[in-house]
N, C-alpha and C. Protein backbone atom coordinates (compact mmCIF):
# COMPACT_ATOMS: atom_id res chain seq x y z
N MET A 1 0.87 -1.14 -0.06
CA MET A 1 -0.03 0.07 0.01
C MET A 1 0.88 1.30 0.01
N PRO A 2 0.65 2.40 -0.81
CA PRO A 2 1.36 3.38 -0.89
C PRO A 2 1.37 4.28 0.31
N ILE A 3 0.39 4.17 1.19
CA ILE A 3 0.35 5.09 2.44
C ILE A 3 0.75 4.20 3.57
N SER A 4 1.61 4.70 4.34
CA SER A 4 2.07 4.01 5.60
C SER A 4 2.11 4.94 6.77
N GLY A 5 2.36 4.37 7.90
CA GLY A 5 2.63 5.22 9.19
C GLY A 5 3.68 6.34 9.03
N ARG A 6 4.59 6.15 8.12
CA ARG A 6 5.58 7.01 7.87
C ARG A 6 5.48 8.03 6.74
N SER A 7 4.25 7.93 6.13
CA SER A 7 3.93 8.82 4.88
C SER A 7 3.92 10.25 5.63
N HIS A 8 4.53 11.17 4.80
CA HIS A 8 4.52 12.56 5.26
C HIS A 8 3.30 13.24 5.09
N ILE A 9 2.80 14.03 6.05
CA ILE A 9 1.64 14.82 6.04
C ILE A 9 1.86 16.25 6.06
N ARG A 10 1.21 16.97 5.21
CA ARG A 10 1.20 18.51 5.06
C ARG A 10 -0.17 18.98 5.50
N ILE A 11 -0.13 19.81 6.38
CA ILE A 11 -1.40 20.53 6.76
C ILE A 11 -1.37 21.83 6.22
N ALA A 12 -2.17 22.21 5.25
CA ALA A 12 -2.08 23.49 4.55
C ALA A 12 -3.28 24.25 5.02
N ARG A 13 -3.15 25.65 5.21
CA ARG A 13 -4.11 26.59 5.58
C ARG A 13 -3.78 27.96 5.07
N PRO A 14 -4.79 28.64 4.83
CA PRO A 14 -4.59 30.21 4.49
C PRO A 14 -4.13 30.90 5.63
N SER A 15 -3.45 32.07 5.38
CA SER A 15 -3.11 32.86 6.53
C SER A 15 -3.31 34.34 6.05
N ARG A 16 -3.80 35.21 7.04
CA ARG A 16 -3.90 36.63 6.66
C ARG A 16 -2.61 37.33 6.68
N ASP A 17 -1.70 36.73 7.59
CA ASP A 17 -0.46 37.48 7.79
C ASP A 17 0.79 36.44 8.06
N LEU A 18 1.52 36.19 7.16
CA LEU A 18 2.59 35.07 7.30
C LEU A 18 3.62 35.53 8.42
N ALA A 19 4.01 36.78 8.63
CA ALA A 19 4.89 37.24 9.57
C ALA A 19 4.30 36.97 10.90
N ALA A 20 2.98 37.26 11.20
CA ALA A 20 2.37 36.92 12.50
C ALA A 20 2.27 35.47 12.70
N ALA A 21 1.94 34.70 11.70
CA ALA A 21 1.95 33.25 11.85
C ALA A 21 3.27 32.73 12.17
N GLU A 22 4.29 33.14 11.53
CA GLU A 22 5.73 32.75 11.83
C GLU A 22 6.11 32.90 13.25
N ARG A 23 5.65 34.28 13.78
CA ARG A 23 5.99 34.50 15.13
C ARG A 23 5.38 33.55 16.02
N PHE A 24 4.18 33.06 15.83
CA PHE A 24 3.35 32.21 16.71
C PHE A 24 4.01 30.83 16.65
N TRP A 25 4.14 30.26 15.32
CA TRP A 25 4.37 28.94 15.24
C TRP A 25 6.00 28.67 15.34
N ALA A 26 6.88 29.62 14.91
CA ALA A 26 8.16 29.29 15.16
C ALA A 26 8.63 29.96 16.52
N GLY A 27 8.45 31.23 16.74
CA GLY A 27 8.84 31.85 17.96
C GLY A 27 8.22 31.40 19.21
N GLY A 28 6.90 31.10 19.09
CA GLY A 28 6.15 30.61 20.19
C GLY A 28 6.19 29.17 20.45
N LEU A 29 5.85 28.28 19.41
CA LEU A 29 5.88 26.90 19.57
C LEU A 29 7.37 26.28 19.44
N GLY A 30 8.16 26.93 18.56
CA GLY A 30 9.52 26.41 18.47
C GLY A 30 9.70 25.52 17.21
N LEU A 31 8.57 25.58 16.17
CA LEU A 31 8.84 24.86 14.96
C LEU A 31 9.90 25.70 14.13
N LYS A 32 10.48 25.09 13.09
CA LYS A 32 11.51 25.55 12.23
C LYS A 32 10.92 25.90 11.05
N VAL A 33 11.37 26.98 10.34
CA VAL A 33 11.11 27.28 8.86
C VAL A 33 11.65 26.13 8.05
N VAL A 34 11.08 25.37 7.36
CA VAL A 34 11.57 24.38 6.39
C VAL A 34 11.52 24.81 4.97
N TYR A 35 10.73 25.74 4.75
CA TYR A 35 10.67 26.35 3.40
C TYR A 35 9.92 27.59 3.35
N ARG A 36 10.30 28.60 2.56
CA ARG A 36 9.72 29.78 2.29
C ARG A 36 9.78 30.19 1.04
N ALA A 37 8.69 30.72 0.45
CA ALA A 37 8.64 31.44 -0.97
C ALA A 37 7.99 32.69 -1.01
N GLU A 38 8.50 33.71 -1.41
CA GLU A 38 7.84 35.09 -1.53
C GLU A 38 7.24 35.29 -2.80
N GLY A 39 5.94 35.38 -2.79
CA GLY A 39 5.16 35.63 -4.04
C GLY A 39 5.09 37.13 -4.35
N GLY A 40 4.65 37.46 -5.49
CA GLY A 40 4.46 38.81 -5.80
C GLY A 40 2.93 39.17 -5.74
N ASP A 41 2.44 40.40 -6.41
CA ASP A 41 1.17 40.84 -6.35
C ASP A 41 0.31 40.36 -7.52
N ALA A 42 0.90 39.67 -8.46
CA ALA A 42 0.19 39.17 -9.60
C ALA A 42 -0.73 38.06 -9.34
N PRO A 43 -1.82 37.90 -9.90
CA PRO A 43 -2.71 36.94 -9.87
C PRO A 43 -2.06 35.53 -9.88
N GLY A 44 -2.40 34.60 -8.94
CA GLY A 44 -1.75 33.30 -8.97
C GLY A 44 -0.47 33.15 -8.19
N GLU A 45 0.09 34.36 -7.92
CA GLU A 45 1.30 34.30 -7.20
C GLU A 45 1.14 34.32 -5.73
N HIS A 46 1.75 33.41 -4.98
CA HIS A 46 1.42 33.54 -3.45
C HIS A 46 2.82 33.21 -2.73
N SER A 47 2.54 33.81 -1.50
CA SER A 47 3.64 33.57 -0.56
C SER A 47 3.40 32.28 0.31
N LEU A 48 4.39 31.48 0.65
CA LEU A 48 4.34 30.28 1.23
C LEU A 48 5.25 30.13 2.40
N LEU A 49 4.85 29.70 3.50
CA LEU A 49 5.68 29.36 4.64
C LEU A 49 5.41 27.98 5.22
N MET A 50 6.43 27.14 5.29
CA MET A 50 6.21 25.82 5.69
C MET A 50 7.06 25.73 6.98
N LEU A 51 6.35 25.25 8.02
CA LEU A 51 7.06 25.04 9.35
C LEU A 51 6.94 23.61 9.89
N GLY A 52 7.95 23.22 10.60
CA GLY A 52 7.92 21.83 11.06
C GLY A 52 9.11 21.66 11.93
N ARG A 53 9.42 20.25 12.12
CA ARG A 53 10.66 19.79 12.73
C ARG A 53 11.35 18.90 11.92
N PRO A 54 12.69 19.07 11.81
CA PRO A 54 13.33 18.22 10.98
C PRO A 54 13.13 16.68 11.06
N ASP A 55 12.78 16.27 12.31
CA ASP A 55 12.64 14.74 12.65
C ASP A 55 11.20 14.45 12.42
N ALA A 56 10.20 15.16 12.00
CA ALA A 56 8.88 14.95 11.94
C ALA A 56 8.41 14.43 10.61
N ASP A 57 7.42 13.66 10.54
CA ASP A 57 6.80 13.25 9.28
C ASP A 57 5.48 14.19 8.91
N TRP A 58 5.65 15.29 9.35
CA TRP A 58 4.38 16.34 9.06
C TRP A 58 5.07 17.67 9.04
N HIS A 59 4.30 18.59 8.19
CA HIS A 59 4.68 20.04 8.38
C HIS A 59 3.50 20.74 8.17
N LEU A 60 3.42 22.12 8.62
CA LEU A 60 2.44 23.02 8.51
C LEU A 60 2.77 24.00 7.34
N GLU A 61 1.80 24.05 6.37
CA GLU A 61 1.94 24.98 5.33
C GLU A 61 1.02 26.10 5.35
N LEU A 62 1.54 27.32 5.37
CA LEU A 62 0.65 28.54 5.33
C LEU A 62 0.84 29.34 4.21
N VAL A 63 -0.35 29.76 3.58
CA VAL A 63 -0.36 30.35 2.22
C VAL A 63 -0.94 31.65 2.26
N HIS A 64 -0.38 32.68 1.52
CA HIS A 64 -1.05 33.98 1.27
C HIS A 64 -0.97 34.50 0.07
N GLU A 65 -1.99 34.75 -0.70
CA GLU A 65 -1.87 35.22 -1.99
C GLU A 65 -2.42 36.78 -1.96
N ALA A 66 -1.62 37.80 -2.14
CA ALA A 66 -1.93 39.20 -2.00
C ALA A 66 -2.81 39.55 -2.90
N SER A 67 -3.10 39.17 -4.24
CA SER A 67 -3.97 39.63 -5.18
C SER A 67 -5.33 39.01 -4.81
N ARG A 68 -5.43 37.95 -4.14
CA ARG A 68 -6.65 37.33 -3.96
C ARG A 68 -6.65 36.47 -2.54
N PRO A 69 -6.48 37.25 -1.56
CA PRO A 69 -6.38 36.62 -0.08
C PRO A 69 -7.51 35.78 0.14
N VAL A 70 -7.33 34.65 0.79
CA VAL A 70 -8.38 33.76 1.25
C VAL A 70 -8.49 33.88 2.71
N GLU A 71 -9.67 34.42 3.08
CA GLU A 71 -9.93 34.53 4.60
C GLU A 71 -10.01 33.23 5.43
N PRO A 72 -9.15 33.04 6.35
CA PRO A 72 -9.16 31.90 7.12
C PRO A 72 -10.52 31.69 7.88
N ARG A 73 -11.07 30.70 7.80
CA ARG A 73 -12.40 30.43 8.44
C ARG A 73 -12.45 29.19 9.35
N PRO A 74 -11.49 29.24 10.36
CA PRO A 74 -11.55 28.05 11.27
C PRO A 74 -12.74 27.97 12.14
N THR A 75 -13.02 26.67 12.53
CA THR A 75 -14.18 26.59 13.59
C THR A 75 -13.57 26.29 14.91
N GLU A 76 -14.22 26.18 15.90
CA GLU A 76 -13.63 25.82 17.30
C GLU A 76 -13.26 24.33 17.31
N GLU A 77 -13.54 23.65 16.30
CA GLU A 77 -13.25 22.22 16.20
C GLU A 77 -12.09 21.99 15.22
N ASP A 78 -11.56 23.01 14.52
CA ASP A 78 -10.36 22.89 13.70
C ASP A 78 -9.26 22.94 14.50
N LEU A 79 -8.74 21.65 14.82
CA LEU A 79 -7.59 21.51 15.83
C LEU A 79 -6.35 20.86 15.34
N LEU A 80 -5.20 21.35 15.67
CA LEU A 80 -4.00 20.72 15.52
C LEU A 80 -3.48 20.28 16.93
N VAL A 81 -3.56 19.03 17.16
CA VAL A 81 -3.30 18.42 18.53
C VAL A 81 -1.78 17.75 18.61
N ILE A 82 -1.04 18.19 19.59
CA ILE A 82 0.23 17.77 19.80
C ILE A 82 0.25 17.05 21.19
N TYR A 83 0.48 15.78 21.19
CA TYR A 83 0.48 14.95 22.49
C TYR A 83 1.85 14.94 23.10
N LEU A 84 1.94 15.70 24.22
CA LEU A 84 3.19 15.86 24.89
C LEU A 84 3.63 14.77 25.77
N ASP A 85 2.60 13.90 26.04
CA ASP A 85 2.90 12.75 27.03
C ASP A 85 3.77 13.34 28.44
N GLY A 86 3.07 14.41 28.78
CA GLY A 86 3.54 14.98 30.19
C GLY A 86 2.85 16.39 30.27
N ASP A 87 3.06 17.05 31.36
CA ASP A 87 2.48 18.24 31.66
C ASP A 87 2.73 19.29 30.61
N VAL A 88 1.83 20.20 30.38
CA VAL A 88 2.00 21.40 29.36
C VAL A 88 2.78 22.37 30.22
N PRO A 89 4.01 22.73 29.64
CA PRO A 89 4.69 23.74 30.48
C PRO A 89 3.99 25.19 30.30
N ASP A 90 4.04 25.77 31.60
CA ASP A 90 3.30 27.21 31.63
C ASP A 90 4.20 28.16 30.73
N GLU A 91 5.45 27.94 30.73
CA GLU A 91 6.38 28.78 29.92
C GLU A 91 6.09 28.71 28.46
N LEU A 92 5.67 27.48 28.12
CA LEU A 92 5.33 27.26 26.59
C LEU A 92 4.13 27.98 26.33
N VAL A 93 3.09 27.83 27.21
CA VAL A 93 1.82 28.54 26.89
C VAL A 93 2.05 30.01 26.90
N GLY A 94 2.82 30.61 27.85
CA GLY A 94 3.12 31.92 27.97
C GLY A 94 3.78 32.46 26.65
N ARG A 95 4.81 31.67 26.20
CA ARG A 95 5.45 32.07 24.94
C ARG A 95 4.56 32.21 23.76
N LEU A 96 3.61 31.12 23.59
CA LEU A 96 2.65 31.13 22.62
C LEU A 96 1.71 32.45 22.64
N VAL A 97 1.35 32.79 23.74
CA VAL A 97 0.61 34.10 24.00
C VAL A 97 1.22 35.27 23.64
N GLU A 98 2.55 35.33 24.15
CA GLU A 98 3.51 36.42 23.82
C GLU A 98 3.73 36.55 22.33
N HIS A 99 3.72 35.52 21.67
CA HIS A 99 3.95 35.57 20.13
C HIS A 99 2.82 35.48 19.36
N GLY A 100 1.63 36.08 20.03
CA GLY A 100 0.31 36.32 19.13
C GLY A 100 -0.77 35.49 19.32
N GLY A 101 -0.61 34.36 20.26
CA GLY A 101 -1.66 33.38 20.41
C GLY A 101 -2.64 33.92 21.42
N THR A 102 -3.90 33.26 21.56
CA THR A 102 -4.81 33.48 22.50
C THR A 102 -5.18 32.26 23.18
N ARG A 103 -5.08 32.09 24.45
CA ARG A 103 -5.54 30.98 25.19
C ARG A 103 -7.18 30.97 25.23
N VAL A 104 -7.65 29.85 24.77
CA VAL A 104 -9.13 29.67 24.69
C VAL A 104 -9.56 28.51 25.34
N ARG A 105 -10.80 28.44 25.71
CA ARG A 105 -11.50 27.27 26.29
C ARG A 105 -12.12 26.44 25.02
N SER A 106 -11.97 25.06 25.18
CA SER A 106 -12.55 24.25 24.09
C SER A 106 -14.10 24.00 24.37
N PRO A 107 -14.85 23.89 23.37
CA PRO A 107 -16.20 23.48 23.69
C PRO A 107 -16.32 21.99 24.11
N ASN A 108 -15.24 21.25 23.89
CA ASN A 108 -15.01 19.87 24.11
C ASN A 108 -14.51 19.71 25.49
N PRO A 109 -15.16 19.30 26.52
CA PRO A 109 -14.45 19.31 27.85
C PRO A 109 -13.29 18.34 27.94
N TYR A 110 -13.16 17.40 26.94
CA TYR A 110 -11.92 16.54 27.02
C TYR A 110 -10.74 17.29 26.86
N TRP A 111 -10.64 18.37 25.87
CA TRP A 111 -9.36 19.09 25.80
C TRP A 111 -9.16 20.05 26.89
N ASN A 112 -10.19 20.50 27.67
CA ASN A 112 -9.98 21.29 28.71
C ASN A 112 -9.40 20.50 29.99
N GLU A 113 -9.79 19.28 29.95
CA GLU A 113 -9.32 18.43 31.04
C GLU A 113 -7.95 18.00 30.78
N TRP A 114 -7.67 17.53 29.56
CA TRP A 114 -6.35 17.00 29.12
C TRP A 114 -5.29 17.89 28.37
N GLY A 115 -5.61 19.13 28.30
CA GLY A 115 -4.67 19.80 27.57
C GLY A 115 -4.91 21.47 27.73
N VAL A 116 -4.21 22.17 26.97
CA VAL A 116 -4.48 23.63 26.83
C VAL A 116 -4.65 23.97 25.35
N THR A 117 -5.62 24.80 25.08
CA THR A 117 -5.85 25.18 23.78
C THR A 117 -5.54 26.77 23.65
N VAL A 118 -4.79 26.96 22.46
CA VAL A 118 -4.36 28.25 22.08
C VAL A 118 -4.66 28.49 20.63
N ALA A 119 -5.30 29.61 20.30
CA ALA A 119 -5.71 30.05 19.01
C ALA A 119 -4.46 30.83 18.34
N ASP A 120 -4.14 30.34 17.18
CA ASP A 120 -3.05 31.21 16.44
C ASP A 120 -3.56 32.45 15.95
N PRO A 121 -2.76 33.36 15.26
CA PRO A 121 -3.21 34.58 14.87
C PRO A 121 -4.24 34.66 13.81
N ASP A 122 -4.56 33.48 13.14
CA ASP A 122 -5.55 33.24 12.15
C ASP A 122 -6.75 32.60 12.79
N GLY A 123 -6.70 32.27 14.01
CA GLY A 123 -8.00 31.67 14.68
C GLY A 123 -7.90 30.15 14.70
N TYR A 124 -6.92 29.45 14.06
CA TYR A 124 -6.82 28.11 14.17
C TYR A 124 -6.38 27.66 15.61
N ARG A 125 -6.85 26.54 16.04
CA ARG A 125 -6.49 26.19 17.26
C ARG A 125 -5.48 25.08 17.48
N LEU A 126 -4.56 25.41 18.39
CA LEU A 126 -3.56 24.45 18.73
C LEU A 126 -3.88 23.70 20.16
N VAL A 127 -3.75 22.50 20.22
CA VAL A 127 -4.09 21.83 21.52
C VAL A 127 -2.84 21.16 21.82
N LEU A 128 -2.26 21.53 23.16
CA LEU A 128 -1.20 20.80 23.59
C LEU A 128 -1.72 19.93 24.66
N CYS A 129 -1.78 18.54 24.38
CA CYS A 129 -2.42 17.52 25.28
C CYS A 129 -1.29 16.97 26.03
N LYS A 130 -1.59 16.90 27.36
CA LYS A 130 -0.65 16.15 28.40
C LYS A 130 -0.68 14.69 28.21
N ARG A 131 -1.57 14.13 27.57
CA ARG A 131 -1.55 12.66 27.33
C ARG A 131 -0.55 12.31 26.25
N GLY A 132 -0.17 10.97 26.17
CA GLY A 132 0.45 10.42 25.10
C GLY A 132 -0.49 9.86 24.19
N TRP A 133 0.00 9.77 22.95
CA TRP A 133 -0.96 9.32 21.84
C TRP A 133 -1.35 7.77 22.26
N SER A 134 -0.64 6.98 22.75
CA SER A 134 -1.08 5.53 22.90
C SER A 134 -2.30 5.56 23.98
N ASN A 135 -2.46 6.49 24.89
CA ASN A 135 -3.43 6.45 25.94
C ASN A 135 -4.47 7.57 25.73
N ALA A 136 -4.38 8.13 24.51
CA ALA A 136 -5.35 9.28 24.30
C ALA A 136 -6.83 8.73 24.13
């Protein structure tokens, strides 16, 4: 089968402001910029920011097209969950907020009990879960 547990996953989203998104995801969470492309103002040209970790089988792609921006439309259930398998460090949550995030409560009590939810500058939600994936 061509899809395996090691298949790379790209999570792609529009962004209003790639600089603000980079502050949150790189400066706040600690992801690395794995690729960047600066687009122009002509139709079809877009700027691209990919963030991840060198050892991960996934990355986050954020796109902005100046000539035809797509407004992000996240719901409170659009989540990127990272399982920490341990307590969520207060200093990490503080750094995310300092870098443009907003701590929010989840409508799902599970995430409030087992983690911390922070909205990024575009409104997409990151959940830092203190459980490990195997016992989630």
